[in-house]
C-alpha atoms as a PDB file:
ATOM      1  CA  UNK A   1      -9.094 126.124-114.564  1.00  0.00           C
ATOM      2  CA  UNK A   2      -9.537 129.308-112.673  1.00  0.00           C
ATOM      3  CA  UNK A   3     -12.255 129.848-115.227  1.00  0.00           C
ATOM      4  CA  UNK A   4     -13.555 126.858-113.915  1.00  0.00           C
ATOM      5  CA  UNK A   5     -13.323 126.994-110.409  1.00  0.00           C
ATOM      6  CA  UNK A   6     -14.687 130.131-110.101  1.00  0.00           C
ATOM      7  CA  UNK A   7     -18.158 128.980-110.723  1.00  0.00           C
ATOM      8  CA  UNK A   8     -17.758 126.368-108.150  1.00  0.00           C
ATOM      9  CA  UNK A   9     -17.120 128.142-105.692  1.00  0.00           C
ATOM     10  CA  UNK A  10     -19.603 130.533-106.348  1.00  0.00           C
ATOM     11  CA  UNK A  11     -22.058 127.630-106.527  1.00  0.00           C
ATOM     12  CA  UNK A  12     -20.384 126.505-103.078  1.00  0.00           C
ATOM     13  CA  UNK A  13     -21.234 129.825-101.482  1.00  0.00           C
ATOM     14  CA  UNK A  14     -25.099 129.615-102.485  1.00  0.00           C
ATOM     15  CA  UNK A  15     -25.549 125.842-101.479  1.00  0.00           C
ATOM     16  CA  UNK A  16     -24.484 127.567 -97.657  1.00  0.00           C
ATOM     17  CA  UNK A  17     -28.129 129.207 -97.628  1.00  0.00           C
ATOM     18  CA  UNK A  18     -29.766 126.565 -98.974  1.00  0.00           C
ATOM     19  CA  UNK A  19     -28.484 124.683 -96.339  1.00  0.00           C
ATOM     20  CA  UNK A  20     -29.302 127.352 -92.997  1.00  0.00           C
ATOM     21  CA  UNK A  21     -32.598 127.626 -94.783  1.00  0.00           C
ATOM     22  CA  UNK A  22     -33.286 123.984 -94.910  1.00  0.00           C
ATOM     23  CA  UNK A  23     -32.434 124.053 -91.254  1.00  0.00           C
ATOM     24  CA  UNK A  24     -34.913 126.569 -90.534  1.00  0.00           C
ATOM     25  CA  UNK A  25     -37.545 125.096 -92.324  1.00  0.00           C
ATOM     26  CA  UNK A  26     -37.031 122.160 -90.026  1.00  0.00           C
ATOM     27  CA  UNK A  27     -37.481 124.327 -87.094  1.00  0.00           C
ATOM     28  CA  UNK A  28     -40.766 125.175 -87.805  1.00  0.00           C
ATOM     29  CA  UNK A  29     -42.922 122.426 -87.300  1.00  0.00           C
ATOM     30  CA  UNK A  30     -41.351 122.575 -83.392  1.00  0.00           C
ATOM     31  CA  UNK A  31     -42.093 126.291 -82.977  1.00  0.00           C
ATOM     32  CA  UNK A  32     -46.009 125.114 -84.187  1.00  0.00           C
ATOM     33  CA  UNK A  33     -45.760 123.351 -82.100  1.00  0.00           C
ATOM     34  CA  UNK A  34     -45.127 125.552 -78.830  1.00  0.00           C
ATOM     35  CA  UNK A  35     -47.527 127.717 -80.582  1.00  0.00           C
ATOM     36  CA  UNK A  36     -50.503 124.608 -80.308  1.00  0.00           C
ATOM     37  CA  UNK A  37     -49.452 124.078 -77.105  1.00  0.00           C
ATOM     38  CA  UNK A  38     -50.263 127.828 -75.793  1.00  0.00           C
ATOM     39  CA  UNK A  39     -53.400 127.831 -77.725  1.00  0.00           C
ATOM     40  CA  UNK A  40     -54.564 125.123 -75.832  1.00  0.00           C
ATOM     41  CA  UNK A  41     -53.201 126.480 -72.862  1.00  0.00           C
ATOM     42  CA  UNK A  42     -55.590 129.749 -73.183  1.00  0.00           C
ATOM     43  CA  UNK A  43     -58.576 127.700 -74.217  1.00  0.00           C
ATOM     44  CA  UNK A  44     -58.501 125.982 -71.074  1.00  0.00           C
ATOM     45  CA  UNK A  45     -58.201 128.818 -69.088  1.00  0.00           C
ATOM     46  CA  UNK A  46     -60.908 130.726 -71.116  1.00  0.00           C
ATOM     47  CA  UNK A  47     -63.166 127.646 -70.541  1.00  0.00           C
ATOM     48  CA  UNK A  48     -62.172 127.498 -66.909  1.00  0.00           C
ATOM     49  CA  UNK A  49     -62.756 130.974 -66.437  1.00  0.00           C
ATOM     50  CA  UNK A  50     -66.443 131.069 -68.015  1.00  0.00           C
ATOM     51  CA  UNK A  51     -66.890 127.940 -66.015  1.00  0.00           C
ATOM     52  CA  UNK A  52     -65.860 130.100 -62.746  1.00  0.00           C
ATOM     53  CA  UNK A  53     -68.251 133.383 -64.012  1.00  0.00           C
ATOM     54  CA  UNK A  54     -70.987 131.267 -64.598  1.00  0.00           C
ATOM     55  CA  UNK A  55     -70.795 129.156 -61.533  1.00  0.00           C
ATOM     56  CA  UNK A  56     -70.386 131.855 -59.581  1.00  0.00           C
ATOM     57  CA  UNK A  57     -73.561 134.008 -59.132  1.00  0.00           C
ATOM     58  CA  UNK A  58     -75.370 130.909 -58.051  1.00  0.00           C
ATOM     59  CA  UNK A  59     -72.848 129.246 -55.296  1.00  0.00           C
ATOM     60  CA  UNK A  60     -72.734 132.853 -54.332  1.00  0.00           C
ATOM     61  CA  UNK A  61     -76.565 133.591 -53.906  1.00  0.00           C
ATOM     62  CA  UNK A  62     -76.700 129.572 -51.775  1.00  0.00           C
ATOM     63  CA  UNK A  63     -73.930 130.647 -49.404  1.00  0.00           C
ATOM     64  CA  UNK A  64     -75.919 133.994 -48.979  1.00  0.00           C
ATOM     65  CA  UNK A  65     -78.705 132.375 -48.640  1.00  0.00           C
ATOM     66  CA  UNK A  66     -77.505 129.890 -45.583  1.00  0.00           C
ATOM     67  CA  UNK A  67     -75.887 132.932 -43.884  1.00  0.00           C
ATOM     68  CA  UNK A  68     -79.191 134.500 -43.700  1.00  0.00           C
ATOM     69  CA  UNK A  69     -80.895 131.386 -42.368  1.00  0.00           C
ATOM     70  CA  UNK A  70     -78.361 130.734 -39.832  1.00  0.00           C
ATOM     71  CA  UNK A  71     -78.522 134.245 -38.552  1.00  0.00           C
ATOM     72  CA  UNK A  72     -82.465 133.664 -38.432  1.00  0.00           C
ATOM     73  CA  UNK A  73     -81.972 130.309 -36.488  1.00  0.00           C
ATOM     74  CA  UNK A  74     -79.612 131.878 -34.151  1.00  0.00           C
ATOM     75  CA  UNK A  75     -82.460 134.904 -33.341  1.00  0.00           C
ATOM     76  CA  UNK A  76     -85.040 132.704 -33.292  1.00  0.00           C
ATOM     77  CA  UNK A  77     -84.358 129.008 -31.638  1.00  0.00           C
ATOM     78  CA  UNK A  78     -87.490 127.133 -32.684  1.00  0.00           C
ATOM     79  CA  UNK A  79     -85.945 127.440 -36.193  1.00  0.00           C
ATOM     80  CA  UNK A  80     -83.116 124.568 -37.061  1.00  0.00           C
ATOM     81  CA  UNK A  81     -79.879 125.872 -38.510  1.00  0.00           C
ATOM     82  CA  UNK A  82     -78.549 124.621 -41.364  1.00  0.00           C
ATOM     83  CA  UNK A  83     -76.053 122.496 -39.429  1.00  0.00           C
ATOM     84  CA  UNK A  84     -78.783 120.816 -37.599  1.00  0.00           C
ATOM     85  CA  UNK A  85     -80.633 120.366 -40.548  1.00  0.00           C
ATOM     86  CA  UNK A  86     -78.223 118.433 -42.667  1.00  0.00           C
ATOM     87  CA  UNK A  87     -77.432 116.376 -39.435  1.00  0.00           C
ATOM     88  CA  UNK A  88     -81.063 115.199 -39.779  1.00  0.00           C
ATOM     89  CA  UNK A  89     -80.928 114.765 -43.282  1.00  0.00           C
ATOM     90  CA  UNK A  90     -78.653 112.244 -42.939  1.00  0.00           C
ATOM     91  CA  UNK A  91     -79.769 109.652 -41.523  1.00  0.00           C
ATOM     92  CA  UNK A  92     -83.136 110.003 -43.533  1.00  0.00           C
ATOM     93  CA  UNK A  93     -81.313 110.015 -46.743  1.00  0.00           C
ATOM     94  CA  UNK A  94     -79.349 107.163 -45.348  1.00  0.00           C
ATOM     95  CA  UNK A  95     -82.527 104.854 -46.227  1.00  0.00           C
ATOM     96  CA  UNK A  96     -84.946 106.625 -47.937  1.00  0.00           C
ATOM     97  CA  UNK A  97     -87.067 103.075 -48.855  1.00  0.00           C
ATOM     98  CA  UNK A  98     -87.981 101.371 -45.756  1.00  0.00           C
ATOM     99  CA  UNK A  99     -91.110 100.421 -44.984  1.00  0.00           C
ATOM    100  CA  UNK A 100     -92.617  99.623 -41.665  1.00  0.00           C
ATOM    101  CA  UNK A 101     -96.406  99.968 -41.692  1.00  0.00           C
ATOM    102  CA  UNK A 102     -98.627 101.745 -44.250  1.00  0.00           C
ATOM    103  CA  UNK A 103     -98.133 105.210 -42.191  1.00  0.00           C
ATOM    104  CA  UNK A 104     -94.472 104.887 -41.585  1.00  0.00           C
ATOM    105  CA  UNK A 105     -92.146 104.584 -45.058  1.00  0.00           C
ATOM    106  CA  UNK A 106     -89.319 106.706 -45.921  1.00  0.00           C
ATOM    107  CA  UNK A 107     -89.087 109.960 -47.464  1.00  0.00           C
ATOM    108  CA  UNK A 108     -88.288 108.599 -51.123  1.00  0.00           C
ATOM    109  CA  UNK A 109     -91.399 106.290 -51.040  1.00  0.00           C
ATOM    110  CA  UNK A 110     -93.548 109.274 -50.051  1.00  0.00           C
ATOM    111  CA  UNK A 111     -92.031 111.123 -53.108  1.00  0.00           C
ATOM    112  CA  UNK A 112     -92.817 108.530 -55.462  1.00  0.00           C
ATOM    113  CA  UNK A 113     -96.540 108.449 -53.965  1.00  0.00           C
ATOM    114  CA  UNK A 114     -96.943 111.945 -54.555  1.00  0.00           C
ATOM    115  CA  UNK A 115     -94.933 112.257 -58.249  1.00  0.00           C
ATOM    116  CA  UNK A 116     -97.647 108.775 -59.204  1.00  0.00           C
ATOM    117  CA  UNK A 117    -101.022 110.948 -58.313  1.00  0.00           C
ATOM    118  CA  UNK A 118     -99.528 113.957 -60.064  1.00  0.00           C
ATOM    119  CA  UNK A 119     -98.951 111.889 -63.319  1.00  0.00           C
ATOM    120  CA  UNK A 120    -102.533 110.423 -63.262  1.00  0.00           C
ATOM    121  CA  UNK A 121    -103.672 113.956 -62.492  1.00  0.00           C
ATOM    122  CA  UNK A 122    -101.885 115.470 -64.945  1.00  0.00           C
ATOM    123  CA  UNK A 123    -101.951 112.615 -67.781  1.00  0.00           C
ATOM    124  CA  UNK A 124    -105.905 112.888 -67.755  1.00  0.00           C
ATOM    125  CA  UNK A 125    -105.702 116.791 -67.983  1.00  0.00           C
ATOM    126  CA  UNK A 126    -103.254 116.492 -70.869  1.00  0.00           C
ATOM    127  CA  UNK A 127    -105.778 113.812 -72.845  1.00  0.00           C
ATOM    128  CA  UNK A 128    -108.644 115.980 -72.411  1.00  0.00           C
ATOM    129  CA  UNK A 129    -107.255 119.691 -71.918  1.00  0.00           C
ATOM    130  CA  UNK A 130    -105.122 119.415 -75.052  1.00  0.00           C
ATOM    131  CA  UNK A 131    -107.780 118.343 -77.559  1.00  0.00           C
ATOM    132  CA  UNK A 132    -109.988 120.511 -75.484  1.00  0.00           C
ATOM    133  CA  UNK A 133    -107.939 123.413 -76.700  1.00  0.00           C
ATOM    134  CA  UNK A 134    -107.595 122.939 -80.541  1.00  0.00           C
ATOM    135  CA  UNK A 135    -111.048 122.743 -80.221  1.00  0.00           C
ATOM    136  CA  UNK A 136    -111.928 125.663 -78.863  1.00  0.00           C
ATOM    137  CA  UNK A 137    -109.116 127.269 -80.689  1.00  0.00           C
ATOM    138  CA  UNK A 138    -110.283 125.945 -84.066  1.00  0.00           C
ATOM    139  CA  UNK A 139    -113.960 126.602 -83.550  1.00  0.00           C
ATOM    140  CA  UNK A 140    -115.424 130.186 -83.235  1.00  0.00           C
ATOM    141  CA  UNK A 141    -118.419 129.567 -81.865  1.00  0.00           C
ATOM    142  CA  UNK A 142    -117.241 126.215 -79.132  1.00  0.00           C
ATOM    143  CA  UNK A 143    -115.311 128.747 -78.059  1.00  0.00           C
ATOM    144  CA  UNK A 144    -117.277 131.703 -77.324  1.00  0.00           C
ATOM    145  CA  UNK A 145    -119.986 129.442 -75.942  1.00  0.00           C
ATOM    146  CA  UNK A 146    -117.100 127.662 -73.369  1.00  0.00           C
ATOM    147  CA  UNK A 147    -115.414 131.301 -72.470  1.00  0.00           C
ATOM    148  CA  UNK A 148    -117.739 132.505 -69.834  1.00  0.00           C
ATOM    149  CA  UNK A 149    -117.254 128.781 -67.895  1.00  0.00           C
ATOM    150  CA  UNK A 150    -113.686 128.581 -68.269  1.00  0.00           C
ATOM    151  CA  UNK A 151    -113.501 132.397 -66.671  1.00  0.00           C
ATOM    152  CA  UNK A 152    -115.988 131.155 -64.141  1.00  0.00           C
ATOM    153  CA  UNK A 153    -114.350 127.745 -62.979  1.00  0.00           C
ATOM    154  CA  UNK A 154    -110.228 128.883 -63.619  1.00  0.00           C
ATOM    155  CA  UNK A 155    -109.997 131.377 -61.221  1.00  0.00           C
ATOM    156  CA  UNK A 156    -111.195 129.151 -58.218  1.00  0.00           C
ATOM    157  CA  UNK A 157    -108.421 127.238 -55.953  1.00  0.00           C
ATOM    158  CA  UNK A 158    -107.926 124.104 -56.616  1.00  0.00           C
ATOM    159  CA  UNK A 159    -108.421 122.401 -52.466  1.00  0.00           C
ATOM    160  CA  UNK A 160    -112.093 123.937 -52.981  1.00  0.00           C
ATOM    161  CA  UNK A 161    -112.527 120.807 -55.519  1.00  0.00           C
ATOM    162  CA  UNK A 162    -111.194 118.332 -53.079  1.00  0.00           C
ATOM    163  CA  UNK A 163    -114.574 118.312 -50.870  1.00  0.00           C
ATOM    164  CA  UNK A 164    -116.342 117.427 -54.355  1.00  0.00           C
ATOM    165  CA  UNK A 165    -113.498 114.922 -54.963  1.00  0.00           C
ATOM    166  CA  UNK A 166    -114.096 113.059 -51.671  1.00  0.00           C
ATOM    167  CA  UNK A 167    -118.046 112.784 -52.497  1.00  0.00           C
ATOM    168  CA  UNK A 168    -117.720 111.755 -56.008  1.00  0.00           C
ATOM    169  CA  UNK A 169    -115.337 109.118 -55.442  1.00  0.00           C
ATOM    170  CA  UNK A 170    -115.045 108.258 -51.476  1.00  0.00           C
ATOM    171  CA  UNK A 171    -111.479 107.788 -51.247  1.00  0.00           C
ATOM    172  CA  UNK A 172    -108.447 110.161 -50.396  1.00  0.00           C
ATOM    173  CA  UNK A 173    -106.216 109.282 -53.090  1.00  0.00           C
ATOM    174  CA  UNK A 174    -108.973 109.494 -56.021  1.00  0.00           C
ATOM    175  CA  UNK A 175    -109.893 113.213 -55.126  1.00  0.00           C
ATOM    176  CA  UNK A 176    -106.197 114.186 -54.188  1.00  0.00           C
ATOM    177  CA  UNK A 177    -106.048 113.089 -58.355  1.00  0.00           C
ATOM    178  CA  UNK A 178    -109.396 114.693 -59.106  1.00  0.00           C
ATOM    179  CA  UNK A 179    -108.032 118.183 -57.540  1.00  0.00           C
ATOM    180  CA  UNK A 180    -104.340 117.893 -59.847  1.00  0.00           C
ATOM    181  CA  UNK A 181    -106.688 116.935 -62.978  1.00  0.00           C
ATOM    182  CA  UNK A 182    -108.639 120.364 -62.071  1.00  0.00           C
ATOM    183  CA  UNK A 183    -105.989 122.129 -61.594  1.00  0.00           C
ATOM    184  CA  UNK A 184    -103.753 121.578 -64.484  1.00  0.00           C
ATOM    185  CA  UNK A 185    -106.134 121.420 -67.211  1.00  0.00           C
ATOM    186  CA  UNK A 186    -106.746 124.843 -67.501  1.00  0.00           C
ATOM    187  CA  UNK A 187    -103.783 126.026 -68.027  1.00  0.00           C
ATOM    188  CA  UNK A 188    -103.255 123.654 -71.203  1.00  0.00           C
ATOM    189  CA  UNK A 189    -106.850 124.224 -72.331  1.00  0.00           C
ATOM    190  CA  UNK A 190    -105.921 128.075 -72.503  1.00  0.00           C
ATOM    191  CA  UNK A 191    -102.775 127.776 -73.788  1.00  0.00           C
ATOM    192  CA  UNK A 192    -103.017 125.823 -76.568  1.00  0.00           C
ATOM    193  CA  UNK A 193    -106.669 127.626 -77.845  1.00  0.00           C
ATOM    194  CA  UNK A 194    -104.592 131.144 -77.807  1.00  0.00           C
ATOM    195  CA  UNK A 195    -101.768 129.181 -80.019  1.00  0.00           C
ATOM    196  CA  UNK A 196    -104.465 128.173 -82.359  1.00  0.00           C
ATOM    197  CA  UNK A 197    -105.938 131.220 -82.784  1.00  0.00           C
ATOM    198  CA  UNK A 198    -102.601 132.544 -83.320  1.00  0.00           C
ATOM    199  CA  UNK A 199    -102.095 130.397 -86.592  1.00  0.00           C
ATOM    200  CA  UNK A 200    -101.802 132.488 -89.974  1.00  0.00           C
ATOM    201  CA  UNK A 201    -105.010 132.768 -91.480  1.00  0.00           C
ATOM    202  CA  UNK A 202    -103.549 132.043 -95.095  1.00  0.00           C
ATOM    203  CA  UNK A 203    -102.068 128.819 -93.702  1.00  0.00           C
ATOM    204  CA  UNK A 204    -105.729 127.914 -93.329  1.00  0.00           C
ATOM    205  CA  UNK A 205    -106.713 129.403 -96.661  1.00  0.00           C
ATOM    206  CA  UNK A 206    -104.048 127.613 -98.211  1.00  0.00           C
ATOM    207  CA  UNK A 207    -105.597 124.025 -96.638  1.00  0.00           C
ATOM    208  CA  UNK A 208    -108.426 125.388 -97.428  1.00  0.00           C
ATOM    209  CA  UNK A 209    -107.366 125.364-101.219  1.00  0.00           C
ATOM    210  CA  UNK A 210    -105.994 122.144-101.478  1.00  0.00           C
ATOM    211  CA  UNK A 211    -108.794 120.386 -99.782  1.00  0.00           C
ATOM    212  CA  UNK A 212    -107.034 118.754 -96.765  1.00  0.00           C
ATOM    213  CA  UNK A 213    -109.359 116.727 -94.238  1.00  0.00           C
ATOM    214  CA  UNK A 214    -109.150 118.592 -90.960  1.00  0.00           C
ATOM    215  CA  UNK A 215    -107.112 115.462 -89.673  1.00  0.00           C
ATOM    216  CA  UNK A 216    -104.394 116.784 -92.279  1.00  0.00           C
ATOM    217  CA  UNK A 217    -104.973 120.332 -91.443  1.00  0.00           C
ATOM    218  CA  UNK A 218    -104.335 119.661 -87.674  1.00  0.00           C
ATOM    219  CA  UNK A 219    -101.476 117.608 -88.071  1.00  0.00           C
ATOM    220  CA  UNK A 220     -99.671 119.609 -91.334  1.00  0.00           C
ATOM    221  CA  UNK A 221    -100.915 122.939 -90.156  1.00  0.00           C
ATOM    222  CA  UNK A 222    -102.055 123.410 -86.784  1.00  0.00           C
ATOM    223  CA  UNK A 223     -99.787 121.091 -84.773  1.00  0.00           C
ATOM    224  CA  UNK A 224     -96.396 122.538 -85.733  1.00  0.00           C
ATOM    225  CA  UNK A 225     -97.517 126.300 -85.196  1.00  0.00           C
ATOM    226  CA  UNK A 226     -99.048 125.287 -81.686  1.00  0.00           C
ATOM    227  CA  UNK A 227     -96.753 123.434 -80.029  1.00  0.00           C
ATOM    228  CA  UNK A 228     -94.415 125.910 -78.412  1.00  0.00           C
ATOM    229  CA  UNK A 229     -98.303 127.725 -76.522  1.00  0.00           C
ATOM    230  CA  UNK A 230     -99.279 123.562 -75.688  1.00  0.00           C
ATOM    231  CA  UNK A 231     -95.059 123.009 -74.504  1.00  0.00           C
ATOM    232  CA  UNK A 232     -96.040 125.891 -72.174  1.00  0.00           C
ATOM    233  CA  UNK A 233     -99.499 124.970 -70.762  1.00  0.00           C
ATOM    234  CA  UNK A 234     -97.706 121.863 -70.075  1.00  0.00           C
ATOM    235  CA  UNK A 235     -95.095 123.482 -68.069  1.00  0.00           C
ATOM    236  CA  UNK A 236     -97.454 125.666 -66.314  1.00  0.00           C
ATOM    237  CA  UNK A 237     -99.534 122.622 -65.289  1.00  0.00           C
ATOM    238  CA  UNK A 238     -97.094 120.529 -64.056  1.00  0.00           C
ATOM    239  CA  UNK A 239     -95.806 123.552 -61.771  1.00  0.00           C
ATOM    240  CA  UNK A 240     -99.262 124.039 -60.734  1.00  0.00           C
ATOM    241  CA  UNK A 241     -99.734 120.245 -60.234  1.00  0.00           C
ATOM    242  CA  UNK A 242     -96.859 119.633 -58.228  1.00  0.00           C
ATOM    243  CA  UNK A 243     -97.702 122.772 -55.628  1.00  0.00           C
ATOM    244  CA  UNK A 244    -101.291 121.580 -55.478  1.00  0.00           C
ATOM    245  CA  UNK A 245    -100.674 117.721 -54.662  1.00  0.00           C
ATOM    246  CA  UNK A 246     -98.673 118.852 -51.669  1.00  0.00           C
ATOM    247  CA  UNK A 247    -101.808 120.848 -50.252  1.00  0.00           C
ATOM    248  CA  UNK A 248    -104.133 118.091 -51.107  1.00  0.00           C
ATOM    249  CA  UNK A 249    -101.835 115.474 -49.523  1.00  0.00           C
ATOM    250  CA  UNK A 250    -101.705 117.455 -46.014  1.00  0.00           C
ATOM    251  CA  UNK A 251    -105.407 117.341 -45.829  1.00  0.00           C
ATOM    252  CA  UNK A 252    -106.419 113.709 -47.092  1.00  0.00           C
ATOM    253  CA  UNK A 253    -103.866 111.877 -45.227  1.00  0.00           C
ATOM    254  CA  UNK A 254    -102.127 108.987 -46.445  1.00  0.00           C
ATOM    255  CA  UNK A 255     -98.690 108.869 -47.920  1.00  0.00           C
ATOM    256  CA  UNK A 256     -97.017 111.446 -50.307  1.00  0.00           C
ATOM    257  CA  UNK A 257     -94.681 114.055 -49.539  1.00  0.00           C
ATOM    258  CA  UNK A 258     -97.601 116.587 -48.350  1.00  0.00           C
ATOM    259  CA  UNK A 259     -98.509 113.911 -45.812  1.00  0.00           C
ATOM    260  CA  UNK A 260     -94.835 113.544 -44.339  1.00  0.00           C
ATOM    261  CA  UNK A 261     -94.871 117.135 -43.969  1.00  0.00           C
ATOM    262  CA  UNK A 262     -97.640 117.416 -41.979  1.00  0.00           C
ATOM    263  CA  UNK A 263     -96.908 113.911 -40.185  1.00  0.00           C
ATOM    264  CA  UNK A 264     -93.687 115.459 -39.208  1.00  0.00           C
ATOM    265  CA  UNK A 265     -95.292 118.788 -37.731  1.00  0.00           C
ATOM    266  CA  UNK A 266     -97.517 116.768 -35.613  1.00  0.00           C
ATOM    267  CA  UNK A 267     -93.977 115.099 -34.551  1.00  0.00           C
ATOM    268  CA  UNK A 268     -92.809 118.210 -33.546  1.00  0.00           C
ATOM    269  CA  UNK A 269     -89.481 117.228 -35.968  1.00  0.00           C
ATOM    270  CA  UNK A 270     -89.226 120.920 -37.376  1.00  0.00           C
ATOM    271  CA  UNK A 271     -85.431 120.061 -39.199  1.00  0.00           C
ATOM    272  CA  UNK A 272     -87.503 117.387 -41.065  1.00  0.00           C
ATOM    273  CA  UNK A 273     -90.404 119.775 -42.303  1.00  0.00           C
ATOM    274  CA  UNK A 274     -87.570 121.768 -43.328  1.00  0.00           C
ATOM    275  CA  UNK A 275     -86.461 119.118 -45.235  1.00  0.00           C
ATOM    276  CA  UNK A 276     -89.236 118.490 -46.879  1.00  0.00           C
ATOM    277  CA  UNK A 277     -89.695 121.879 -48.219  1.00  0.00           C
ATOM    278  CA  UNK A 278     -86.629 121.326 -49.567  1.00  0.00           C
ATOM    279  CA  UNK A 279     -87.602 117.919 -51.439  1.00  0.00           C
ATOM    280  CA  UNK A 280     -90.860 120.039 -53.057  1.00  0.00           C
ATOM    281  CA  UNK A 281     -88.433 122.349 -54.359  1.00  0.00           C
ATOM    282  CA  UNK A 282     -86.152 119.926 -55.690  1.00  0.00           C
ATOM    283  CA  UNK A 283     -88.533 117.851 -57.241  1.00  0.00           C
ATOM    284  CA  UNK A 284     -90.451 120.818 -58.553  1.00  0.00           C
ATOM    285  CA  UNK A 285     -87.171 122.447 -60.181  1.00  0.00           C
ATOM    286  CA  UNK A 286     -86.908 119.197 -62.165  1.00  0.00           C
ATOM    287  CA  UNK A 287     -89.927 118.680 -63.234  1.00  0.00           C
ATOM    288  CA  UNK A 288     -89.557 122.389 -64.430  1.00  0.00           C
ATOM    289  CA  UNK A 289     -86.244 121.903 -65.916  1.00  0.00           C
ATOM    290  CA  UNK A 290     -87.588 118.473 -67.814  1.00  0.00           C
ATOM    291  CA  UNK A 291     -90.127 120.039 -69.405  1.00  0.00           C
ATOM    292  CA  UNK A 292     -88.473 123.498 -70.544  1.00  0.00           C
ATOM    293  CA  UNK A 293     -85.700 120.913 -71.686  1.00  0.00           C
ATOM    294  CA  UNK A 294     -88.646 119.101 -73.781  1.00  0.00           C
ATOM    295  CA  UNK A 295     -89.701 122.365 -75.082  1.00  0.00           C
ATOM    296  CA  UNK A 296     -86.123 123.687 -76.512  1.00  0.00           C
ATOM    297  CA  UNK A 297     -85.174 120.188 -77.750  1.00  0.00           C
ATOM    298  CA  UNK A 298     -88.303 119.042 -79.841  1.00  0.00           C
ATOM    299  CA  UNK A 299     -88.953 119.769 -83.212  1.00  0.00           C
ATOM    300  CA  UNK A 300     -91.496 118.763 -85.627  1.00  0.00           C
ATOM    301  CA  UNK A 301     -90.707 117.314 -88.373  1.00  0.00           C
ATOM    302  CA  UNK A 302     -91.679 118.677 -92.059  1.00  0.00           C
END
């Protein structure tokens, strides 16, 4: 009996550690939850710190800009302060699409009118300039023939073409579009042609061995390789076009952000001039960012 009792007692003594082990095992999920919450909290802190570090430099730069602006406005009373400009902008943007006649329209209509001219001139430049760039880069004789003409005309100020546009079209609106076209075409032509000339010759040799048509050489070989250069030319062209339209509208009149800026100068509304400068900068920045995003995200399907 004693001999039989001893194993039972021994087994009972072994059961206690098993129970304690089971209790310890039940405590593990709770510890995991604590660790998971701590990990998530640390990840949120790191993400917040990264956002703060990313936003801090531009916010500090803009604050410094406002401080310098306020200091200059304090020394030169003719320049409006940031607060005065803000108070003038509130009613201006409160109703940006009013119409009181052909020469009295809200700031929204003027910006849209300028963008419409830029789209027309820029579209025509892309329609002609990109194929011309491919042709110049593809055919050496054509490139050598046109290079002196491009070198002669490219440095000419876009506004120097405005009188030619007025002479040809007898109207301010197509003349402004003409000036945008003539200034936008050169970056697209040159960058596209450079991209074509930098396509590895081995690619073209393989296309020649496979007896590919010129259209297949263009779509399968040249276009994928030249696309980054082409988009760079497009991005440079849209920035130049937006710069030119403001100056062209100041000279031709009518509607548009350039005309509105000049009209506010004639009315001695300096706050509105500063607002127009900011609008021009913001719209140009958005156009640049849109094309830069297109250049980063566009992928050519193989």
